[in-house]
C-alpha atoms as a PDB file:
ATOM      1  CA  MET A   1       0.011  -0.020   0.019  1.00  0.00           C
ATOM      2  CA  VAL A   2       1.213   3.473  -0.842  1.00  0.00           C
ATOM      3  CA  LYS A   3       0.247   6.391   1.246  1.00  0.00           C
ATOM      4  CA  CYS A   4      -1.073   8.848  -1.234  1.00  0.00           C
ATOM      5  CA  CYS A   5      -2.810  11.458   0.872  1.00  0.00           C
ATOM      6  CA  LEU A   6      -2.061  13.155   4.100  1.00  0.00           C
ATOM      7  CA  SER A   7      -3.918  16.273   5.080  1.00  0.00           C
ATOM      8  CA  GLN A   8      -5.049  18.303   8.036  1.00  0.00           C
ATOM      9  CA  SER A   9      -7.949  20.659   7.927  1.00  0.00           C
ATOM     10  CA  ALA A  10     -10.540  22.186  10.245  1.00  0.00           C
ATOM     11  CA  LEU A  11     -14.319  22.235  10.370  1.00  0.00           C
ATOM     12  CA  TRP A  12     -15.873  25.399  11.663  1.00  0.00           C
ATOM     13  CA  SER A  13     -18.026  23.503  14.151  1.00  0.00           C
ATOM     14  CA  PHE A  14     -17.652  22.276  17.705  1.00  0.00           C
ATOM     15  CA  TRP A  15     -16.525  18.669  18.128  1.00  0.00           C
ATOM     16  CA  ASP A  16     -19.841  17.536  19.581  1.00  0.00           C
ATOM     17  CA  GLN A  17     -21.662  19.009  16.563  1.00  0.00           C
ATOM     18  CA  VAL A  18     -19.353  17.057  14.219  1.00  0.00           C
ATOM     19  CA  PHE A  19     -19.859  13.867  16.269  1.00  0.00           C
ATOM     20  CA  THR A  20     -23.672  14.298  16.167  1.00  0.00           C
ATOM     21  CA  ALA A  21     -23.630  14.995  12.376  1.00  0.00           C
ATOM     22  CA  PHE A  22     -21.527  11.827  11.797  1.00  0.00           C
ATOM     23  CA  TRP A  23     -24.362   9.714  13.184  1.00  0.00           C
ATOM     24  CA  GLN A  24     -26.875  11.466  10.986  1.00  0.00           C
ATOM     25  CA  TRP A  25     -24.730  11.629   7.816  1.00  0.00           C
ATOM     26  CA  TYR A  26     -26.873   9.451   5.596  1.00  0.00           C
ATOM     27  CA  PRO A  27     -29.305   9.700   3.844  1.00  0.00           C
ATOM     28  CA  ASN A  28     -28.095  13.014   2.594  1.00  0.00           C
ATOM     29  CA  LEU A  29     -29.434  15.140  -0.266  1.00  0.00           C
ATOM     30  CA  TYR A  30     -25.884  16.221  -1.158  1.00  0.00           C
ATOM     31  CA  SER A  31     -24.571  12.637  -1.285  1.00  0.00           C
ATOM     32  CA  LYS A  32     -26.965  10.864  -3.591  1.00  0.00           C
ATOM     33  CA  HIS A  33     -24.187   8.456  -4.627  1.00  0.00           C
ATOM     34  CA  VAL A  34     -24.524   6.760  -1.161  1.00  0.00           C
ATOM     35  CA  LEU A  35     -27.402   4.359  -1.700  1.00  0.00           C
ATOM     36  CA  MET A  36     -27.533   2.841   1.725  1.00  0.00           C
ATOM     37  CA  GLU A  37     -25.955   2.836   5.176  1.00  0.00           C
ATOM     38  CA  ASN A  38     -26.330   0.021   7.672  1.00  0.00           C
ATOM     39  CA  ILE A  39     -24.913  -0.069  11.194  1.00  0.00           C
ATOM     40  CA  VAL A  40     -23.681  -3.627  11.441  1.00  0.00           C
ATOM     41  CA  HIS A  41     -22.494  -3.443  15.000  1.00  0.00           C
ATOM     42  CA  TRP A  42     -22.155  -0.922  17.773  1.00  0.00           C
ATOM     43  CA  GLU A  43     -21.267  -1.044  21.455  1.00  0.00           C
ATOM     44  CA  VAL A  44     -20.245   1.060  24.367  1.00  0.00           C
ATOM     45  CA  THR A  45     -17.064  -0.144  26.016  1.00  0.00           C
ATOM     46  CA  PRO A  46     -16.417  -0.197  29.796  1.00  0.00           C
ATOM     47  CA  ASP A  47     -14.273   2.967  29.356  1.00  0.00           C
ATOM     48  CA  GLN A  48     -17.269   4.678  27.642  1.00  0.00           C
ATOM     49  CA  LYS A  49     -15.977   4.608  24.051  1.00  0.00           C
ATOM     50  CA  ILE A  50     -18.492   3.979  21.334  1.00  0.00           C
ATOM     51  CA  LEU A  51     -17.437   1.428  18.710  1.00  0.00           C
ATOM     52  CA  SER A  52     -19.356   0.966  15.493  1.00  0.00           C
ATOM     53  CA  TRP A  53     -19.166  -0.782  12.138  1.00  0.00           C
ATOM     54  CA  HIS A  54     -21.009   0.783   9.222  1.00  0.00           C
ATOM     55  CA  LEU A  55     -21.628  -0.849   5.824  1.00  0.00           C
ATOM     56  CA  LEU A  56     -22.133   1.685   3.033  1.00  0.00           C
ATOM     57  CA  THR A  57     -23.300   0.971  -0.473  1.00  0.00           C
ATOM     58  CA  LYS A  58     -22.241   3.629  -2.908  1.00  0.00           C
ATOM     59  CA  THR A  59     -22.376   4.037  -6.687  1.00  0.00           C
ATOM     60  CA  ASN A  60     -19.872   6.286  -8.298  1.00  0.00           C
ATOM     61  CA  ARG A  61     -19.189   6.957 -11.918  1.00  0.00           C
ATOM     62  CA  MET A  62     -16.133   4.953 -12.722  1.00  0.00           C
ATOM     63  CA  PRO A  63     -13.079   6.540 -14.401  1.00  0.00           C
ATOM     64  CA  ARG A  64     -12.806   5.580 -18.046  1.00  0.00           C
ATOM     65  CA  LEU A  65     -10.025   3.099 -17.201  1.00  0.00           C
ATOM     66  CA  GLY A  66     -12.477   1.406 -14.816  1.00  0.00           C
ATOM     67  CA  ASP A  67     -15.043   1.078 -17.567  1.00  0.00           C
ATOM     68  CA  ARG A  68     -12.486  -0.794 -19.645  1.00  0.00           C
ATOM     69  CA  LEU A  69     -11.433  -3.048 -16.760  1.00  0.00           C
ATOM     70  CA  PHE A  70     -14.982  -4.144 -15.844  1.00  0.00           C
ATOM     71  CA  PRO A  71     -17.374  -5.843 -18.188  1.00  0.00           C
ATOM     72  CA  ALA A  72     -20.572  -3.893 -18.890  1.00  0.00           C
ATOM     73  CA  ASN A  73     -22.650  -6.473 -16.936  1.00  0.00           C
ATOM     74  CA  VAL A  74     -20.662  -6.005 -13.728  1.00  0.00           C
ATOM     75  CA  ALA A  75     -22.328  -3.727 -11.218  1.00  0.00           C
ATOM     76  CA  HIS A  76     -20.392  -0.660 -10.277  1.00  0.00           C
ATOM     77  CA  SER A  77     -21.706  -0.448  -6.738  1.00  0.00           C
ATOM     78  CA  MET A  78     -19.062  -0.170  -4.094  1.00  0.00           C
ATOM     79  CA  TYR A  79     -19.375  -1.769  -0.670  1.00  0.00           C
ATOM     80  CA  ILE A  80     -17.450   0.071   1.980  1.00  0.00           C
ATOM     81  CA  LEU A  81     -16.816  -0.814   5.675  1.00  0.00           C
ATOM     82  CA  GLU A  82     -16.265   1.948   8.108  1.00  0.00           C
ATOM     83  CA  ASP A  83     -15.079   1.365  11.705  1.00  0.00           C
ATOM     84  CA  SER A  84     -15.438   4.215  14.151  1.00  0.00           C
ATOM     85  CA  ILE A  85     -14.185   4.777  17.642  1.00  0.00           C
ATOM     86  CA  VAL A  86     -15.723   7.696  19.520  1.00  0.00           C
ATOM     87  CA  ASP A  87     -14.090   8.827  22.765  1.00  0.00           C
ATOM     88  CA  PRO A  88     -16.442  11.464  24.246  1.00  0.00           C
ATOM     89  CA  ARG A  89     -14.273  11.912  27.318  1.00  0.00           C
ATOM     90  CA  ASN A  90     -11.223  13.008  25.251  1.00  0.00           C
ATOM     91  CA  GLN A  91     -13.378  14.413  22.419  1.00  0.00           C
ATOM     92  CA  THR A  92     -11.824  12.332  19.631  1.00  0.00           C
ATOM     93  CA  MET A  93     -13.436  10.309  16.880  1.00  0.00           C
ATOM     94  CA  THR A  94     -11.414   7.988  14.661  1.00  0.00           C
ATOM     95  CA  THR A  95     -12.829   6.416  11.479  1.00  0.00           C
ATOM     96  CA  PHE A  96     -11.148   3.764   9.376  1.00  0.00           C
ATOM     97  CA  THR A  97     -12.768   3.124   5.977  1.00  0.00           C
ATOM     98  CA  TRP A  98     -11.938   0.630   3.206  1.00  0.00           C
ATOM     99  CA  ASN A  99     -13.630  -0.899   0.123  1.00  0.00           C
ATOM    100  CA  ILE A 100     -14.501  -4.605   0.343  1.00  0.00           C
ATOM    101  CA  ASN A 101     -15.229  -5.190  -3.337  1.00  0.00           C
ATOM    102  CA  HIS A 102     -13.437  -4.170  -6.505  1.00  0.00           C
ATOM    103  CA  THR A 103     -10.191  -4.438  -4.480  1.00  0.00           C
ATOM    104  CA  GLN A 104      -8.199  -6.002  -7.304  1.00  0.00           C
ATOM    105  CA  PRO A 105      -8.342  -2.900  -9.545  1.00  0.00           C
ATOM    106  CA  MET A 106      -7.885  -0.595  -6.547  1.00  0.00           C
ATOM    107  CA  ALA A 107      -8.040  -0.984  -2.748  1.00  0.00           C
ATOM    108  CA  VAL A 108      -8.435   2.270  -0.841  1.00  0.00           C
ATOM    109  CA  GLU A 109      -8.096   2.699   2.888  1.00  0.00           C
ATOM    110  CA  GLU A 110      -8.681   5.955   4.772  1.00  0.00           C
ATOM    111  CA  ARG A 111      -8.190   6.910   8.385  1.00  0.00           C
ATOM    112  CA  CYS A 112      -9.600  10.203   9.794  1.00  0.00           C
ATOM    113  CA  VAL A 113      -9.123  11.484  13.312  1.00  0.00           C
ATOM    114  CA  TYR A 114     -11.470  14.244  14.447  1.00  0.00           C
ATOM    115  CA  CYS A 115     -10.493  16.235  17.577  1.00  0.00           C
ATOM    116  CA  VAL A 116     -10.887  19.643  19.152  1.00  0.00           C
ATOM    117  CA  ASN A 117      -8.709  22.187  17.383  1.00  0.00           C
ATOM    118  CA  SER A 118      -6.113  23.423  19.845  1.00  0.00           C
ATOM    119  CA  ASP A 119      -5.953  26.874  18.177  1.00  0.00           C
ATOM    120  CA  ASN A 120      -9.727  27.421  18.407  1.00  0.00           C
ATOM    121  CA  THR A 121     -11.852  25.132  20.590  1.00  0.00           C
ATOM    122  CA  GLY A 122     -14.940  26.103  18.578  1.00  0.00           C
ATOM    123  CA  TRP A 123     -13.498  24.237  15.571  1.00  0.00           C
ATOM    124  CA  THR A 124     -12.793  20.560  14.921  1.00  0.00           C
ATOM    125  CA  LYS A 125      -9.441  19.441  13.504  1.00  0.00           C
ATOM    126  CA  ILE A 126      -9.357  16.578  11.020  1.00  0.00           C
ATOM    127  CA  HIS A 127      -6.208  14.556  10.356  1.00  0.00           C
ATOM    128  CA  GLN A 128      -6.686  12.421   7.267  1.00  0.00           C
ATOM    129  CA  GLU A 129      -4.506   9.677   5.774  1.00  0.00           C
ATOM    130  CA  ALA A 130      -5.258   7.472   2.748  1.00  0.00           C
ATOM    131  CA  TRP A 131      -3.507   4.438   1.276  1.00  0.00           C
ATOM    132  CA  VAL A 132      -4.053   2.982  -2.217  1.00  0.00           C
ATOM    133  CA  SER A 133      -2.988  -0.319  -3.758  1.00  0.00           C
ATOM    134  CA  SER A 134      -3.752  -2.289  -6.866  1.00  0.00           C
ATOM    135  CA  SER A 135      -2.864  -5.740  -8.130  1.00  0.00           C
ATOM    136  CA  LEU A 136      -3.204  -4.611 -11.717  1.00  0.00           C
ATOM    137  CA  PHE A 137       0.181  -3.633 -13.058  1.00  0.00           C
ATOM    138  CA  CYS A 138      -0.860  -0.498 -14.923  1.00  0.00           C
ATOM    139  CA  VAL A 139      -2.771   0.895 -11.936  1.00  0.00           C
ATOM    140  CA  SER A 140      -0.303  -0.238  -9.197  1.00  0.00           C
ATOM    141  CA  ARG A 141       2.585   1.371 -11.054  1.00  0.00           C
ATOM    142  CA  ALA A 142       0.699   4.678 -11.360  1.00  0.00           C
ATOM    143  CA  VAL A 143      -0.329   4.544  -7.705  1.00  0.00           C
ATOM    144  CA  GLN A 144       3.246   3.786  -6.672  1.00  0.00           C
ATOM    145  CA  GLU A 145       4.703   6.602  -8.751  1.00  0.00           C
ATOM    146  CA  PHE A 146       2.040   9.004  -7.469  1.00  0.00           C
ATOM    147  CA  GLY A 147       2.707   8.117  -3.822  1.00  0.00           C
ATOM    148  CA  GLU A 148       6.506   8.235  -4.142  1.00  0.00           C
ATOM    149  CA  ALA A 149       6.714  11.301  -6.278  1.00  0.00           C
ATOM    150  CA  PRO A 150       4.013  13.766  -5.172  1.00  0.00           C
ATOM    151  CA  SER A 151       5.560  16.495  -7.405  1.00  0.00           C
ATOM    152  CA  LYS A 152       4.263  14.570 -10.447  1.00  0.00           C
ATOM    153  CA  THR A 153       0.868  15.773 -11.474  1.00  0.00           C
ATOM    154  CA  LEU A 154      -2.005  13.424 -11.226  1.00  0.00           C
ATOM    155  CA  VAL A 155      -2.950  14.111 -14.845  1.00  0.00           C
ATOM    156  CA  LYS A 156       0.514  13.016 -16.032  1.00  0.00           C
ATOM    157  CA  THR A 157       0.344   9.839 -13.931  1.00  0.00           C
ATOM    158  CA  ALA A 158      -3.139   9.010 -15.224  1.00  0.00           C
ATOM    159  CA  LYS A 159      -1.996   9.538 -18.856  1.00  0.00           C
ATOM    160  CA  GLU A 160       0.903   7.190 -18.295  1.00  0.00           C
ATOM    161  CA  ALA A 161      -1.413   4.583 -16.750  1.00  0.00           C
ATOM    162  CA  LYS A 162      -3.790   4.989 -19.673  1.00  0.00           C
ATOM    163  CA  GLU A 163      -1.015   4.415 -22.169  1.00  0.00           C
ATOM    164  CA  LYS A 164       0.192   1.348 -20.286  1.00  0.00           C
ATOM    165  CA  ALA A 165      -3.345   0.007 -20.118  1.00  0.00           C
ATOM    166  CA  LYS A 166      -3.677   0.499 -23.910  1.00  0.00           C
ATOM    167  CA  MET A 167      -0.457  -1.448 -24.492  1.00  0.00           C
ATOM    168  CA  ILE A 168      -1.608  -4.274 -22.234  1.00  0.00           C
ATOM    169  CA  ALA A 169      -5.024  -4.369 -23.913  1.00  0.00           C
ATOM    170  CA  LEU A 170      -3.423  -4.462 -27.322  1.00  0.00           C
ATOM    171  CA  ALA A 171      -1.107  -7.297 -26.331  1.00  0.00           C
ATOM    172  CA  ALA A 172      -4.078  -9.196 -24.834  1.00  0.00           C
ATOM    173  CA  THR A 173      -6.093  -8.684 -28.054  1.00  0.00           C
ATOM    174  CA  GLU A 174      -3.209  -9.939 -30.171  1.00  0.00           C
ATOM    175  CA  LYS A 175      -2.867 -12.991 -27.955  1.00  0.00           C
ATOM    176  CA  ALA A 176      -6.591 -13.694 -28.097  1.00  0.00           C
ATOM    177  CA  ASN A 177      -6.612 -13.388 -31.894  1.00  0.00           C
ATOM    178  CA  ASP A 178      -3.636 -15.743 -32.130  1.00  0.00           C
ATOM    179  CA  LEU A 179      -5.346 -18.284 -29.901  1.00  0.00           C
ATOM    180  CA  ALA A 180      -8.593 -18.004 -31.816  1.00  0.00           C
ATOM    181  CA  SER A 181      -6.719 -18.493 -35.133  1.00  0.00           C
ATOM    182  CA  LYS A 182      -4.959 -21.583 -33.820  1.00  0.00           C
ATOM    183  CA  ALA A 183      -8.235 -22.993 -32.523  1.00  0.00           C
ATOM    184  CA  ALA A 184      -9.936 -22.415 -35.879  1.00  0.00           C
ATOM    185  CA  THR A 185      -7.074 -24.050 -37.738  1.00  0.00           C
ATOM    186  CA  LYS A 186      -7.180 -27.048 -35.406  1.00  0.00           C
ATOM    187  CA  GLN A 187     -10.942 -27.344 -35.848  1.00  0.00           C
ATOM    188  CA  GLN A 188     -10.593 -27.220 -39.666  1.00  0.00           C
ATOM    189  CA  GLN A 189      -7.916 -29.900 -39.518  1.00  0.00           C
ATOM    190  CA  GLN A 190     -10.113 -32.127 -37.362  1.00  0.00           C
ATOM    191  CA  GLN A 191     -13.099 -31.635 -39.766  1.00  0.00           C
ATOM    192  CA  HIS A 192     -10.851 -32.491 -42.686  1.00  0.00           C
ATOM    193  CA  PHE A 193      -9.857 -35.805 -41.172  1.00  0.00           C
ATOM    194  CA  VAL A 194     -13.470 -36.747 -40.367  1.00  0.00           C
END
């Protein structure tokens, strides 16, 4: 996995408002791509922390490369698990999110920590980290290069990945045509002997 995102930002809301909004996040008129949210498990620990597991079903428009990787009949819905740990005593909330399907083309993990902003207690600080990996050569190489060389623009990396994907697709097409030709020749030979 390559860490490809690290950011810190602030929400102009008190921590308890952010925590309350988190539990009322979906359904949301502004997030129509989230089809469903289910709380699979939740509990309050003896030290008063709230643990929960959420299952989200999302549908996002795939990048063009994704449309080429997935057959048209494959659903593009994403299933995402989100673990959360809320510590009301210390006013922190940690979420860890990852996709559980379509992980071969791209697995994405994200951790966010929400806490009271030390500079302004009326704000909430968010520390966000994300990791991306792929078992597909053209995608994994682009992810690795993007993570190791942040000065490279995403557009350039995407173009390189697209070109590599074209080369791989062309080689696969040539191999398929060659196999089909050999199969047809073998079938003709078998029919000739019959």
